[in-house]
Amino acid sequence: MGIIVANLFVTLDGVYQAPGGREEDPEGEFAFGGWQAPVSDDESGAAIGAEIEKMDALLLGRKTYDIFAAYWPHQSGDIADTLNRVPKFVVSASLKDPSWAGTTVLPDAAAAGSLRDDYQQMHMFGSGVLIRSLLAAGVLDRLHLWLYPVTLGQGKRLFDAGTVPSSFRLAEPARSFPKGAVSLVYEPAGGVETAEMGAT
């Protein structure tokens, strides 16, 4: 069986909104679209590209799908070639006629989870709402956080009130990049345990 990997570009204060451009997602009068580029470097860019090359399917939530579908079909290069070539899946209750070639609409997180029988590595980008749904349904296999040395004080956050209490284990060694970004790959590890901290 394959795995679903969620890749999320996130700030130190947990914001994942609009990393790629000023007009990418201005919802809520978000003022910091495009925050990722100034703290990116060639090494982190190559690592992201290598992650994209691993995918044999792309899974997105509706908001991120609309952003990707408006941009990537008109681009060229290795990343664009991969994203345009692989099968694409979007979880949406309202999308009926997807415009991006090779797209299938799924009804819910459980349907997305069943696709692990058909693909080795299904990758996600952005799609914070869908990530939470997949975690709640127990069908997200890896959470790959690309953590950047920025705080914004506003914007969409992955984990907020209502998050399902969960623990995670580090699945790969952490990796740092020249401008301070860190790659952290986690796997779900069950519920949260509590204990008293004591002297050793």
N, C-alpha and C. Protein backbone atom coordinates (compact mmCIF):
# COMPACT_ATOMS: atom_id res chain seq x y z
N MET A 1 0.84 -1.20 0.00
CA MET A 1 0.00 0.00 0.00
C MET A 1 0.87 1.24 0.00
N GLY A 2 0.45 2.27 -0.71
CA GLY A 2 1.20 3.52 -0.78
C GLY A 2 0.92 4.43 0.40
N ILE A 3 1.41 5.64 0.30
CA ILE A 3 1.26 6.61 1.40
C ILE A 3 0.76 7.94 0.86
N ILE A 4 0.09 8.68 1.75
CA ILE A 4 -0.29 10.07 1.47
C ILE A 4 0.64 10.96 2.28
N VAL A 5 1.32 11.87 1.58
CA VAL A 5 2.28 12.78 2.20
C VAL A 5 1.78 14.21 2.04
N ALA A 6 1.59 14.90 3.15
CA ALA A 6 1.19 16.31 3.11
C ALA A 6 2.43 17.18 3.27
N ASN A 7 2.73 17.99 2.26
CA ASN A 7 3.82 18.96 2.32
C ASN A 7 3.22 20.32 2.63
N LEU A 8 3.72 20.96 3.68
CA LEU A 8 3.15 22.24 4.06
C LEU A 8 4.27 23.22 4.37
N PHE A 9 4.25 24.37 3.70
CA PHE A 9 5.19 25.45 3.96
C PHE A 9 4.58 26.30 5.07
N VAL A 10 5.29 26.41 6.19
CA VAL A 10 4.67 27.01 7.38
C VAL A 10 5.66 27.92 8.10
N THR A 11 5.14 28.98 8.70
CA THR A 11 5.96 29.92 9.47
C THR A 11 6.14 29.41 10.90
N LEU A 12 6.99 30.08 11.64
CA LEU A 12 7.21 29.69 13.04
C LEU A 12 5.95 29.80 13.88
N ASP A 13 5.04 30.71 13.52
CA ASP A 13 3.79 30.82 14.26
C ASP A 13 2.65 30.05 13.58
N GLY A 14 3.00 29.10 12.74
CA GLY A 14 2.04 28.15 12.23
C GLY A 14 1.21 28.56 11.04
N VAL A 15 1.55 29.66 10.37
CA VAL A 15 0.77 30.16 9.23
C VAL A 15 1.21 29.48 7.95
N TYR A 16 0.25 28.98 7.17
CA TYR A 16 0.57 28.36 5.89
C TYR A 16 -0.05 29.11 4.71
N GLN A 17 -0.70 30.20 4.95
CA GLN A 17 -1.44 30.91 3.91
C GLN A 17 -0.50 31.60 2.93
N ALA A 18 -0.77 31.43 1.64
CA ALA A 18 -0.16 32.19 0.55
C ALA A 18 1.37 32.31 0.62
N PRO A 19 2.09 31.20 0.72
CA PRO A 19 3.55 31.32 0.73
C PRO A 19 4.13 31.75 -0.62
N GLY A 20 3.43 31.43 -1.72
CA GLY A 20 4.03 31.54 -3.02
C GLY A 20 3.90 32.88 -3.74
N GLY A 21 2.99 33.74 -3.33
CA GLY A 21 2.82 34.98 -4.07
C GLY A 21 1.86 35.94 -3.39
N ARG A 22 1.98 37.22 -3.71
CA ARG A 22 1.19 38.26 -3.05
C ARG A 22 -0.31 38.08 -3.25
N GLU A 23 -0.71 37.60 -4.42
CA GLU A 23 -2.14 37.46 -4.72
C GLU A 23 -2.61 36.02 -4.64
N GLU A 24 -1.78 35.14 -4.11
CA GLU A 24 -2.11 33.72 -4.10
C GLU A 24 -3.39 33.43 -3.31
N ASP A 25 -3.50 33.98 -2.11
CA ASP A 25 -4.67 33.77 -1.27
C ASP A 25 -4.83 34.95 -0.32
N PRO A 26 -5.49 36.03 -0.75
CA PRO A 26 -5.64 37.22 0.10
C PRO A 26 -6.81 37.14 1.08
N GLU A 27 -7.43 35.98 1.21
CA GLU A 27 -8.59 35.84 2.09
C GLU A 27 -8.30 36.38 3.48
N GLY A 28 -9.28 37.07 4.05
CA GLY A 28 -9.12 37.64 5.38
C GLY A 28 -8.19 38.84 5.41
N GLU A 29 -8.03 39.49 4.26
CA GLU A 29 -7.13 40.64 4.13
C GLU A 29 -5.69 40.30 4.54
N PHE A 30 -5.29 39.09 4.17
CA PHE A 30 -3.94 38.64 4.48
C PHE A 30 -2.92 39.52 3.77
N ALA A 31 -1.98 40.06 4.54
CA ALA A 31 -1.07 41.09 4.02
C ALA A 31 0.31 40.58 3.64
N PHE A 32 0.56 39.27 3.78
CA PHE A 32 1.94 38.80 3.63
C PHE A 32 2.10 37.72 2.57
N GLY A 33 1.23 37.72 1.56
CA GLY A 33 1.37 36.75 0.48
C GLY A 33 2.75 36.84 -0.16
N GLY A 34 3.38 35.68 -0.37
CA GLY A 34 4.72 35.64 -0.93
C GLY A 34 5.82 35.65 0.12
N TRP A 35 5.50 35.24 1.35
CA TRP A 35 6.47 35.31 2.45
C TRP A 35 7.59 34.27 2.32
N GLN A 36 7.38 33.23 1.52
CA GLN A 36 8.36 32.14 1.46
C GLN A 36 9.63 32.49 0.68
N ALA A 37 9.49 33.20 -0.43
CA ALA A 37 10.63 33.43 -1.32
C ALA A 37 11.84 34.09 -0.64
N PRO A 38 11.66 35.13 0.18
CA PRO A 38 12.83 35.77 0.78
C PRO A 38 13.62 34.88 1.74
N VAL A 39 13.01 33.82 2.25
CA VAL A 39 13.72 32.93 3.17
C VAL A 39 13.97 31.56 2.54
N SER A 40 13.92 31.52 1.20
CA SER A 40 14.23 30.31 0.46
C SER A 40 15.62 30.42 -0.14
N ASP A 41 16.19 29.30 -0.53
CA ASP A 41 17.52 29.26 -1.13
C ASP A 41 17.57 28.09 -2.10
N ASP A 42 18.66 27.99 -2.85
CA ASP A 42 18.78 26.95 -3.87
C ASP A 42 18.69 25.55 -3.26
N GLU A 43 19.26 25.38 -2.07
CA GLU A 43 19.28 24.05 -1.45
C GLU A 43 17.88 23.61 -1.04
N SER A 44 17.13 24.51 -0.42
CA SER A 44 15.76 24.14 -0.03
C SER A 44 14.88 23.96 -1.27
N GLY A 45 15.10 24.79 -2.29
CA GLY A 45 14.35 24.63 -3.53
C GLY A 45 14.59 23.28 -4.18
N ALA A 46 15.85 22.84 -4.17
CA ALA A 46 16.18 21.53 -4.74
C ALA A 46 15.54 20.41 -3.94
N ALA A 47 15.48 20.57 -2.62
CA ALA A 47 14.86 19.54 -1.77
C ALA A 47 13.35 19.45 -2.04
N ILE A 48 12.71 20.59 -2.22
CA ILE A 48 11.28 20.59 -2.55
C ILE A 48 11.06 19.94 -3.91
N GLY A 49 11.92 20.28 -4.87
CA GLY A 49 11.82 19.67 -6.20
C GLY A 49 11.99 18.16 -6.14
N ALA A 50 12.92 17.69 -5.32
CA ALA A 50 13.13 16.25 -5.17
C ALA A 50 11.91 15.57 -4.57
N GLU A 51 11.24 16.26 -3.66
CA GLU A 51 10.02 15.71 -3.06
C GLU A 51 8.92 15.59 -4.11
N ILE A 52 8.80 16.59 -4.95
CA ILE A 52 7.79 16.57 -6.00
C ILE A 52 8.05 15.43 -6.97
N GLU A 53 9.31 15.15 -7.26
CA GLU A 53 9.64 14.07 -8.20
C GLU A 53 9.22 12.70 -7.68
N LYS A 54 9.03 12.55 -6.37
CA LYS A 54 8.65 11.26 -5.79
C LYS A 54 7.19 10.92 -6.04
N MET A 55 6.37 11.92 -6.31
CA MET A 55 4.93 11.69 -6.36
C MET A 55 4.50 10.98 -7.64
N ASP A 56 3.50 10.12 -7.49
CA ASP A 56 2.84 9.57 -8.68
C ASP A 56 1.37 9.95 -8.72
N ALA A 57 0.94 10.81 -7.79
CA ALA A 57 -0.40 11.39 -7.81
C ALA A 57 -0.40 12.62 -6.92
N LEU A 58 -1.28 13.56 -7.22
CA LEU A 58 -1.39 14.82 -6.48
C LEU A 58 -2.78 14.91 -5.87
N LEU A 59 -2.83 15.22 -4.58
CA LEU A 59 -4.09 15.37 -3.86
C LEU A 59 -4.18 16.78 -3.29
N LEU A 60 -5.31 17.45 -3.49
CA LEU A 60 -5.45 18.83 -3.04
C LEU A 60 -6.86 19.07 -2.48
N GLY A 61 -6.94 20.05 -1.58
CA GLY A 61 -8.23 20.58 -1.19
C GLY A 61 -8.70 21.57 -2.24
N ARG A 62 -9.96 21.98 -2.14
CA ARG A 62 -10.55 22.82 -3.19
C ARG A 62 -9.83 24.15 -3.36
N LYS A 63 -9.51 24.84 -2.27
CA LYS A 63 -8.88 26.16 -2.37
C LYS A 63 -7.51 26.07 -3.05
N THR A 64 -6.69 25.13 -2.61
CA THR A 64 -5.37 24.99 -3.21
C THR A 64 -5.48 24.49 -4.65
N TYR A 65 -6.45 23.63 -4.91
CA TYR A 65 -6.65 23.17 -6.28
C TYR A 65 -6.93 24.34 -7.21
N ASP A 66 -7.79 25.24 -6.81
CA ASP A 66 -8.10 26.39 -7.67
C ASP A 66 -6.85 27.23 -7.94
N ILE A 67 -5.99 27.40 -6.92
CA ILE A 67 -4.75 28.16 -7.10
C ILE A 67 -3.82 27.44 -8.06
N PHE A 68 -3.63 26.14 -7.86
CA PHE A 68 -2.74 25.35 -8.72
C PHE A 68 -3.27 25.28 -10.15
N ALA A 69 -4.58 25.05 -10.30
CA ALA A 69 -5.16 24.87 -11.63
C ALA A 69 -5.10 26.15 -12.46
N ALA A 70 -5.06 27.29 -11.79
CA ALA A 70 -4.95 28.57 -12.51
C ALA A 70 -3.52 28.87 -12.91
N TYR A 71 -2.56 28.20 -12.30
CA TYR A 71 -1.14 28.55 -12.51
C TYR A 71 -0.34 27.48 -13.26
N TRP A 72 -0.33 26.25 -12.77
CA TRP A 72 0.61 25.25 -13.27
C TRP A 72 0.38 24.79 -14.71
N PRO A 73 -0.84 24.72 -15.22
CA PRO A 73 -1.00 24.31 -16.62
C PRO A 73 -0.34 25.27 -17.61
N HIS A 74 -0.01 26.48 -17.16
CA HIS A 74 0.59 27.49 -18.05
C HIS A 74 2.09 27.63 -17.83
N GLN A 75 2.68 26.73 -17.02
CA GLN A 75 4.11 26.80 -16.72
C GLN A 75 4.84 25.66 -17.41
N SER A 76 6.18 25.78 -17.45
CA SER A 76 7.03 24.72 -18.00
C SER A 76 8.16 24.45 -17.02
N GLY A 77 8.92 23.40 -17.28
CA GLY A 77 10.00 23.01 -16.39
C GLY A 77 9.67 21.72 -15.65
N ASP A 78 10.62 21.22 -14.90
CA ASP A 78 10.48 19.91 -14.28
C ASP A 78 9.28 19.83 -13.33
N ILE A 79 9.14 20.84 -12.46
CA ILE A 79 8.04 20.79 -11.50
C ILE A 79 6.70 20.86 -12.21
N ALA A 80 6.57 21.79 -13.15
CA ALA A 80 5.31 21.92 -13.90
C ALA A 80 5.02 20.64 -14.68
N ASP A 81 6.06 20.05 -15.28
CA ASP A 81 5.85 18.82 -16.05
C ASP A 81 5.30 17.71 -15.17
N THR A 82 5.85 17.59 -13.96
CA THR A 82 5.37 16.55 -13.04
C THR A 82 3.94 16.81 -12.61
N LEU A 83 3.66 18.04 -12.18
CA LEU A 83 2.31 18.35 -11.70
C LEU A 83 1.26 18.21 -12.80
N ASN A 84 1.62 18.56 -14.02
CA ASN A 84 0.66 18.44 -15.11
C ASN A 84 0.50 17.00 -15.60
N ARG A 85 1.53 16.17 -15.37
CA ARG A 85 1.49 14.79 -15.86
C ARG A 85 0.75 13.84 -14.93
N VAL A 86 0.96 13.96 -13.62
CA VAL A 86 0.41 12.97 -12.70
C VAL A 86 -1.10 13.10 -12.56
N PRO A 87 -1.79 12.01 -12.19
CA PRO A 87 -3.21 12.12 -11.89
C PRO A 87 -3.43 13.06 -10.72
N LYS A 88 -4.49 13.85 -10.81
CA LYS A 88 -4.80 14.83 -9.77
C LYS A 88 -6.16 14.52 -9.16
N PHE A 89 -6.23 14.71 -7.83
CA PHE A 89 -7.48 14.45 -7.11
C PHE A 89 -7.76 15.65 -6.22
N VAL A 90 -9.00 16.09 -6.22
CA VAL A 90 -9.41 17.22 -5.39
C VAL A 90 -10.62 16.80 -4.57
N VAL A 91 -10.57 17.05 -3.26
CA VAL A 91 -11.70 16.74 -2.39
C VAL A 91 -12.59 17.97 -2.34
N SER A 92 -13.81 17.82 -2.83
CA SER A 92 -14.72 18.96 -2.91
C SER A 92 -16.16 18.48 -3.01
N ALA A 93 -17.05 19.17 -2.30
CA ALA A 93 -18.47 18.88 -2.40
C ALA A 93 -19.15 19.74 -3.46
N SER A 94 -18.44 20.74 -3.98
CA SER A 94 -19.08 21.69 -4.90
C SER A 94 -18.50 21.67 -6.31
N LEU A 95 -17.25 21.24 -6.49
CA LEU A 95 -16.64 21.25 -7.83
C LEU A 95 -17.24 20.14 -8.68
N LYS A 96 -17.75 20.49 -9.84
CA LYS A 96 -18.38 19.51 -10.72
C LYS A 96 -17.61 19.29 -12.01
N ASP A 97 -16.95 20.31 -12.50
CA ASP A 97 -16.28 20.23 -13.80
C ASP A 97 -14.87 20.79 -13.69
N PRO A 98 -13.92 20.02 -13.17
CA PRO A 98 -12.56 20.54 -12.97
C PRO A 98 -11.89 20.89 -14.28
N SER A 99 -11.17 22.00 -14.28
CA SER A 99 -10.57 22.52 -15.51
C SER A 99 -9.19 21.94 -15.80
N TRP A 100 -8.49 21.46 -14.79
CA TRP A 100 -7.12 20.97 -14.97
C TRP A 100 -7.17 19.53 -15.48
N ALA A 101 -6.57 19.30 -16.63
CA ALA A 101 -6.61 17.98 -17.25
C ALA A 101 -6.08 16.91 -16.29
N GLY A 102 -6.79 15.77 -16.25
CA GLY A 102 -6.36 14.67 -15.40
C GLY A 102 -6.85 14.75 -13.97
N THR A 103 -7.89 15.57 -13.73
CA THR A 103 -8.39 15.75 -12.37
C THR A 103 -9.65 14.92 -12.12
N THR A 104 -9.68 14.27 -10.95
CA THR A 104 -10.86 13.55 -10.48
C THR A 104 -11.32 14.19 -9.18
N VAL A 105 -12.62 14.40 -9.03
CA VAL A 105 -13.18 14.98 -7.81
C VAL A 105 -13.56 13.86 -6.86
N LEU A 106 -13.15 14.01 -5.60
CA LEU A 106 -13.47 13.04 -4.55
C LEU A 106 -14.44 13.66 -3.55
N PRO A 107 -15.30 12.84 -2.93
CA PRO A 107 -16.31 13.41 -2.02
C PRO A 107 -15.78 13.73 -0.63
N ASP A 108 -14.75 13.00 -0.15
CA ASP A 108 -14.34 13.20 1.24
C ASP A 108 -12.96 12.60 1.49
N ALA A 109 -12.48 12.77 2.73
CA ALA A 109 -11.15 12.29 3.10
C ALA A 109 -11.05 10.78 3.03
N ALA A 110 -12.12 10.08 3.36
CA ALA A 110 -12.08 8.61 3.31
C ALA A 110 -11.84 8.12 1.89
N ALA A 111 -12.46 8.77 0.92
CA ALA A 111 -12.25 8.40 -0.48
C ALA A 111 -10.80 8.64 -0.90
N ALA A 112 -10.21 9.73 -0.38
CA ALA A 112 -8.80 10.00 -0.67
C ALA A 112 -7.93 8.91 -0.07
N GLY A 113 -8.24 8.47 1.14
CA GLY A 113 -7.46 7.43 1.79
C GLY A 113 -7.46 6.13 1.02
N SER A 114 -8.56 5.81 0.37
CA SER A 114 -8.65 4.55 -0.38
C SER A 114 -7.72 4.53 -1.59
N LEU A 115 -7.27 5.69 -2.04
CA LEU A 115 -6.39 5.75 -3.21
C LEU A 115 -4.98 5.24 -2.91
N ARG A 116 -4.66 5.01 -1.64
CA ARG A 116 -3.34 4.47 -1.31
C ARG A 116 -3.14 3.07 -1.89
N ASP A 117 -4.23 2.42 -2.26
CA ASP A 117 -4.11 1.11 -2.93
C ASP A 117 -3.65 1.25 -4.37
N ASP A 118 -3.76 2.44 -4.93
CA ASP A 118 -3.47 2.64 -6.35
C ASP A 118 -2.18 3.40 -6.64
N TYR A 119 -1.64 4.10 -5.63
CA TYR A 119 -0.45 4.94 -5.86
C TYR A 119 0.57 4.72 -4.76
N GLN A 120 1.85 4.87 -5.11
CA GLN A 120 2.92 4.68 -4.14
C GLN A 120 3.08 5.89 -3.23
N GLN A 121 3.13 7.08 -3.85
CA GLN A 121 3.27 8.31 -3.06
C GLN A 121 2.33 9.38 -3.62
N MET A 122 1.25 9.59 -2.92
CA MET A 122 0.32 10.66 -3.27
C MET A 122 0.69 11.86 -2.40
N HIS A 123 1.06 12.96 -3.04
CA HIS A 123 1.52 14.13 -2.30
C HIS A 123 0.48 15.24 -2.32
N MET A 124 0.49 16.02 -1.25
CA MET A 124 -0.35 17.19 -1.11
C MET A 124 0.52 18.41 -0.89
N PHE A 125 -0.01 19.57 -1.25
CA PHE A 125 0.62 20.85 -0.93
C PHE A 125 -0.47 21.78 -0.44
N GLY A 126 -0.13 22.63 0.54
CA GLY A 126 -1.16 23.50 1.11
C GLY A 126 -2.30 22.66 1.66
N SER A 127 -3.53 23.08 1.38
CA SER A 127 -4.71 22.27 1.70
C SER A 127 -4.83 21.96 3.19
N GLY A 128 -4.68 22.98 4.02
CA GLY A 128 -4.71 22.78 5.46
C GLY A 128 -6.00 22.16 5.97
N VAL A 129 -7.14 22.57 5.43
CA VAL A 129 -8.42 22.00 5.86
C VAL A 129 -8.46 20.51 5.56
N LEU A 130 -8.00 20.13 4.37
CA LEU A 130 -7.98 18.72 3.99
C LEU A 130 -7.00 17.93 4.85
N ILE A 131 -5.85 18.52 5.17
CA ILE A 131 -4.89 17.83 6.05
C ILE A 131 -5.56 17.48 7.37
N ARG A 132 -6.27 18.42 7.94
CA ARG A 132 -6.95 18.14 9.21
C ARG A 132 -7.99 17.04 9.06
N SER A 133 -8.71 17.04 7.94
CA SER A 133 -9.71 15.99 7.69
C SER A 133 -9.06 14.62 7.53
N LEU A 134 -7.94 14.58 6.83
CA LEU A 134 -7.23 13.30 6.64
C LEU A 134 -6.69 12.78 7.97
N LEU A 135 -6.15 13.67 8.80
CA LEU A 135 -5.67 13.26 10.11
C LEU A 135 -6.81 12.72 10.96
N ALA A 136 -7.95 13.41 10.94
CA ALA A 136 -9.10 12.97 11.72
C ALA A 136 -9.62 11.61 11.26
N ALA A 137 -9.50 11.36 9.93
CA ALA A 137 -9.95 10.09 9.37
C ALA A 137 -8.90 8.99 9.49
N GLY A 138 -7.70 9.34 9.94
CA GLY A 138 -6.63 8.36 10.10
C GLY A 138 -6.03 7.87 8.81
N VAL A 139 -6.03 8.72 7.77
CA VAL A 139 -5.51 8.29 6.47
C VAL A 139 -4.36 9.15 5.96
N LEU A 140 -3.81 10.03 6.80
CA LEU A 140 -2.60 10.77 6.43
C LEU A 140 -1.40 10.03 7.00
N ASP A 141 -0.47 9.67 6.12
CA ASP A 141 0.66 8.84 6.54
C ASP A 141 1.89 9.65 6.95
N ARG A 142 2.09 10.79 6.30
CA ARG A 142 3.25 11.63 6.64
C ARG A 142 2.87 13.10 6.56
N LEU A 143 3.38 13.85 7.52
CA LEU A 143 3.21 15.30 7.54
C LEU A 143 4.60 15.91 7.39
N HIS A 144 4.87 16.48 6.22
CA HIS A 144 6.18 17.06 5.93
C HIS A 144 6.07 18.57 6.06
N LEU A 145 6.57 19.07 7.18
CA LEU A 145 6.55 20.51 7.44
C LEU A 145 7.85 21.13 6.97
N TRP A 146 7.73 22.14 6.12
CA TRP A 146 8.87 22.96 5.71
C TRP A 146 8.74 24.25 6.53
N LEU A 147 9.50 24.32 7.61
CA LEU A 147 9.36 25.38 8.61
C LEU A 147 10.33 26.53 8.30
N TYR A 148 9.78 27.75 8.20
CA TYR A 148 10.58 28.91 7.79
C TYR A 148 10.71 29.91 8.95
N PRO A 149 11.87 30.59 9.04
CA PRO A 149 12.13 31.51 10.15
C PRO A 149 11.44 32.85 10.00
N VAL A 150 10.11 32.82 10.03
CA VAL A 150 9.27 34.01 9.87
C VAL A 150 8.09 33.89 10.82
N THR A 151 7.66 34.99 11.41
CA THR A 151 6.38 35.04 12.12
C THR A 151 5.53 36.13 11.49
N LEU A 152 4.24 35.88 11.36
CA LEU A 152 3.36 36.82 10.65
C LEU A 152 2.25 37.39 11.53
N GLY A 153 1.82 36.66 12.53
CA GLY A 153 0.79 37.18 13.42
C GLY A 153 -0.61 37.18 12.85
N GLN A 154 -0.77 36.71 11.63
CA GLN A 154 -2.10 36.60 11.02
C GLN A 154 -2.04 35.53 9.96
N GLY A 155 -3.20 35.08 9.53
CA GLY A 155 -3.27 34.10 8.46
C GLY A 155 -3.78 32.75 8.91
N LYS A 156 -3.99 31.87 7.96
CA LYS A 156 -4.52 30.53 8.23
C LYS A 156 -3.45 29.67 8.88
N ARG A 157 -3.85 28.99 9.94
CA ARG A 157 -2.94 28.11 10.66
C ARG A 157 -3.42 26.67 10.55
N LEU A 158 -2.46 25.76 10.48
CA LEU A 158 -2.81 24.36 10.33
C LEU A 158 -3.55 23.84 11.56
N PHE A 159 -3.00 24.08 12.72
CA PHE A 159 -3.60 23.55 13.95
C PHE A 159 -4.14 24.69 14.80
N ASP A 160 -5.42 24.65 15.05
CA ASP A 160 -6.09 25.70 15.83
C ASP A 160 -7.09 25.01 16.75
N ALA A 161 -7.99 25.76 17.33
CA ALA A 161 -9.01 25.18 18.19
C ALA A 161 -9.76 24.09 17.44
N GLY A 162 -10.00 22.98 18.10
CA GLY A 162 -10.71 21.87 17.48
C GLY A 162 -9.80 20.82 16.88
N THR A 163 -8.50 21.03 16.93
CA THR A 163 -7.56 20.04 16.42
C THR A 163 -7.67 18.76 17.24
N VAL A 164 -7.66 17.62 16.54
CA VAL A 164 -7.70 16.33 17.22
C VAL A 164 -6.38 16.12 17.96
N PRO A 165 -6.40 15.88 19.27
CA PRO A 165 -5.14 15.64 20.00
C PRO A 165 -4.43 14.41 19.44
N SER A 166 -3.19 14.57 19.05
CA SER A 166 -2.43 13.49 18.41
C SER A 166 -0.95 13.64 18.75
N SER A 167 -0.24 12.54 18.66
CA SER A 167 1.22 12.59 18.77
C SER A 167 1.82 12.13 17.45
N PHE A 168 3.07 12.52 17.23
CA PHE A 168 3.76 12.21 15.99
C PHE A 168 5.18 11.74 16.30
N ARG A 169 5.73 10.93 15.39
CA ARG A 169 7.13 10.52 15.51
C ARG A 169 7.90 11.07 14.31
N LEU A 170 9.16 11.42 14.53
CA LEU A 170 10.00 11.91 13.45
C LEU A 170 10.34 10.75 12.53
N ALA A 171 9.99 10.86 11.25
CA ALA A 171 10.17 9.76 10.29
C ALA A 171 11.48 9.83 9.54
N GLU A 172 12.09 11.01 9.48
CA GLU A 172 13.36 11.21 8.81
C GLU A 172 14.17 12.19 9.63
N PRO A 173 15.49 12.15 9.52
CA PRO A 173 16.29 13.15 10.23
C PRO A 173 15.92 14.56 9.79
N ALA A 174 15.84 15.48 10.73
CA ALA A 174 15.56 16.88 10.39
C ALA A 174 16.70 17.41 9.51
N ARG A 175 16.34 18.31 8.62
CA ARG A 175 17.34 18.88 7.71
C ARG A 175 17.19 20.39 7.69
N SER A 176 18.29 21.10 7.84
CA SER A 176 18.25 22.56 7.82
C SER A 176 18.87 23.08 6.53
N PHE A 177 18.50 24.33 6.20
CA PHE A 177 18.94 24.95 4.94
C PHE A 177 19.61 26.29 5.23
N PRO A 178 20.38 26.82 4.26
CA PRO A 178 21.22 28.00 4.52
C PRO A 178 20.50 29.22 5.07
N LYS A 179 19.26 29.49 4.65
CA LYS A 179 18.56 30.68 5.13
C LYS A 179 17.69 30.41 6.35
N GLY A 180 17.87 29.25 6.97
CA GLY A 180 17.21 28.99 8.24
C GLY A 180 15.97 28.11 8.19
N ALA A 181 15.52 27.71 7.01
CA ALA A 181 14.37 26.81 6.93
C ALA A 181 14.78 25.43 7.42
N VAL A 182 13.80 24.67 7.90
CA VAL A 182 14.04 23.32 8.40
C VAL A 182 12.98 22.39 7.81
N SER A 183 13.41 21.21 7.36
CA SER A 183 12.51 20.18 6.88
C SER A 183 12.27 19.18 8.00
N LEU A 184 10.99 18.96 8.35
CA LEU A 184 10.61 18.06 9.43
C LEU A 184 9.54 17.10 8.91
N VAL A 185 9.84 15.81 8.92
CA VAL A 185 8.91 14.81 8.40
C VAL A 185 8.41 13.95 9.56
N TYR A 186 7.09 13.98 9.77
CA TYR A 186 6.48 13.27 10.88
C TYR A 186 5.49 12.22 10.39
N GLU A 187 5.32 11.18 11.21
CA GLU A 187 4.28 10.19 11.00
C GLU A 187 3.35 10.20 12.22
N PRO A 188 2.04 10.03 12.02
CA PRO A 188 1.14 9.95 13.17
C PRO A 188 1.53 8.79 14.09
N ALA A 189 1.43 9.01 15.39
CA ALA A 189 1.86 8.00 16.36
C ALA A 189 0.81 7.79 17.44
N GLY A 190 -0.45 8.01 17.12
CA GLY A 190 -1.51 7.72 18.07
C GLY A 190 -1.93 8.92 18.88
N GLY A 191 -2.56 8.64 20.02
CA GLY A 191 -3.08 9.69 20.88
C GLY A 191 -1.99 10.35 21.71
N VAL A 192 -2.41 11.28 22.52
CA VAL A 192 -1.48 12.04 23.36
C VAL A 192 -1.37 11.37 24.72
N GLU A 193 -0.15 11.09 25.17
CA GLU A 193 0.08 10.58 26.51
C GLU A 193 0.53 11.72 27.40
N THR A 194 0.22 11.62 28.67
CA THR A 194 0.66 12.63 29.62
C THR A 194 1.42 11.97 30.76
N ALA A 195 2.33 12.73 31.37
CA ALA A 195 3.13 12.24 32.48
C ALA A 195 3.72 13.43 33.21
N GLU A 196 4.18 13.20 34.41
CA GLU A 196 4.83 14.26 35.18
C GLU A 196 6.31 14.33 34.83
N MET A 197 6.78 15.55 34.62
CA MET A 197 8.21 15.74 34.43
C MET A 197 8.88 15.71 35.79
N GLY A 198 9.91 14.88 35.94
CA GLY A 198 10.57 14.76 37.22
C GLY A 198 12.07 14.85 37.08
N ALA A 199 12.74 15.03 38.19
CA ALA A 199 14.19 15.07 38.18
C ALA A 199 14.74 13.68 37.87
N THR A 200 15.86 13.63 37.16
CA THR A 200 16.48 12.34 36.83
C THR A 200 17.77 12.17 37.60
